[in-house]
Amino acid sequence: MDLFFDVATQWRSIAAPEGATGMVSAIYSRIVRTGFDYAGVESTLRMRGVPRRKHSALLSDLQVMERAALDEMRNQRDAESPA
């Protein structure tokens, strides 16, 4: 969990269009997170002094949390979208 919170600023994001027009504008777009920037994750592990032998296991755990967070964010977007 500590690693997840440490890399909370490392999300990659895109601007996705709202509505059916498909046109992206500054007013009518939303930010959608697509996953973590893994270069930032690796940098965080190094800066925190995490032994390299633990990186793989921590990355696997982080990816489980990342997927759950992305699923929840998608569920929230779907709930907020007009039907």
Protein backbone atom coordinates (compact mmCIF):
# COMPACT_ATOMS: atom_id res chain seq x y z
CA MET A 1 0.00 0.00 0.00
CA ASP A 2 2.86 2.38 0.76
CA LEU A 3 4.17 2.04 -2.80
CA PHE A 4 0.68 2.65 -4.23
CA PHE A 5 0.40 5.90 -2.28
CA ASP A 6 3.99 6.87 -3.11
CA VAL A 7 3.28 6.66 -6.84
CA ALA A 8 -0.16 8.29 -6.69
CA THR A 9 1.22 11.21 -8.73
CA GLN A 10 2.53 8.87 -11.45
CA TRP A 11 -0.75 8.20 -13.27
CA ARG A 12 -0.74 8.52 -17.04
CA SER A 13 -3.84 10.32 -18.26
CA ILE A 14 -5.58 11.23 -21.49
CA ALA A 15 -8.29 13.72 -22.38
CA ALA A 16 -11.30 11.71 -23.56
CA PRO A 17 -14.31 13.20 -25.36
CA GLU A 18 -17.62 13.60 -23.57
CA GLY A 19 -20.87 12.82 -25.31
CA ALA A 20 -21.57 11.37 -28.73
CA THR A 21 -19.94 14.01 -30.93
CA GLY A 22 -16.47 12.55 -30.62
CA MET A 23 -14.92 16.02 -30.66
CA VAL A 24 -12.48 16.86 -27.91
CA SER A 25 -12.64 20.36 -26.51
CA ALA A 26 -11.19 21.92 -23.41
CA ILE A 27 -14.66 22.40 -22.00
CA TYR A 28 -16.26 19.09 -22.91
CA SER A 29 -13.49 16.60 -22.27
CA ARG A 30 -12.67 14.59 -19.20
CA ILE A 31 -9.39 13.27 -17.91
CA VAL A 32 -9.14 9.48 -17.92
CA ARG A 33 -6.33 7.67 -16.14
CA THR A 34 -4.82 4.84 -18.17
CA GLY A 35 -2.30 3.37 -15.74
CA PHE A 36 0.90 4.19 -13.94
CA ASP A 37 4.01 5.60 -15.58
CA TYR A 38 6.32 2.69 -14.83
CA ALA A 39 9.48 4.77 -15.25
CA GLY A 40 8.16 6.87 -12.36
CA VAL A 41 7.40 3.72 -10.38
CA GLU A 42 10.92 2.40 -10.92
CA SER A 43 12.38 5.76 -9.95
CA THR A 44 10.31 5.79 -6.76
CA LEU A 45 11.52 2.30 -5.84
CA ARG A 46 15.14 3.39 -6.33
CA MET A 47 14.71 6.67 -4.43
CA ARG A 48 13.09 4.81 -1.53
CA GLY A 49 16.07 2.45 -1.42
CA VAL A 50 14.00 -0.68 -2.06
CA PRO A 51 16.35 -3.60 -2.76
CA ARG A 52 16.25 -4.59 -6.44
CA ARG A 53 15.38 -8.20 -5.54
CA LYS A 54 12.02 -6.94 -4.19
CA HIS A 55 11.07 -4.84 -7.25
CA SER A 56 9.37 -7.63 -9.21
CA ALA A 57 7.11 -8.74 -6.36
CA LEU A 58 6.22 -5.14 -5.47
CA LEU A 59 5.45 -4.35 -9.10
CA SER A 60 3.13 -7.35 -9.31
CA ASP A 61 1.30 -6.21 -6.16
CA LEU A 62 1.13 -2.65 -7.46
CA GLN A 63 -0.38 -3.83 -10.75
CA VAL A 64 -3.17 -5.62 -8.86
CA MET A 65 -3.98 -2.38 -7.03
CA GLU A 66 -3.64 -0.37 -10.25
CA ARG A 67 -6.16 -2.60 -12.06
CA ALA A 68 -8.62 -2.38 -9.14
CA ALA A 69 -8.27 1.42 -9.05
CA LEU A 70 -8.78 1.71 -12.82
CA ASP A 71 -11.87 -0.52 -12.61
CA GLU A 72 -13.30 1.62 -9.82
CA MET A 73 -12.60 4.85 -11.70
CA ARG A 74 -14.35 3.39 -14.76
CA ASN A 75 -17.33 2.33 -12.64
CA GLN A 76 -17.58 5.86 -11.22
CA ARG A 77 -17.42 7.40 -14.73
CA ASP A 78 -20.12 5.01 -15.94
CA ALA A 79 -22.34 5.88 -12.97
CA GLU A 80 -21.91 9.61 -13.62
CA SER A 81 -22.54 9.38 -17.37
CA PRO A 82 -26.03 10.13 -18.62
CA ALA A 83 -27.81 6.99 -19.79
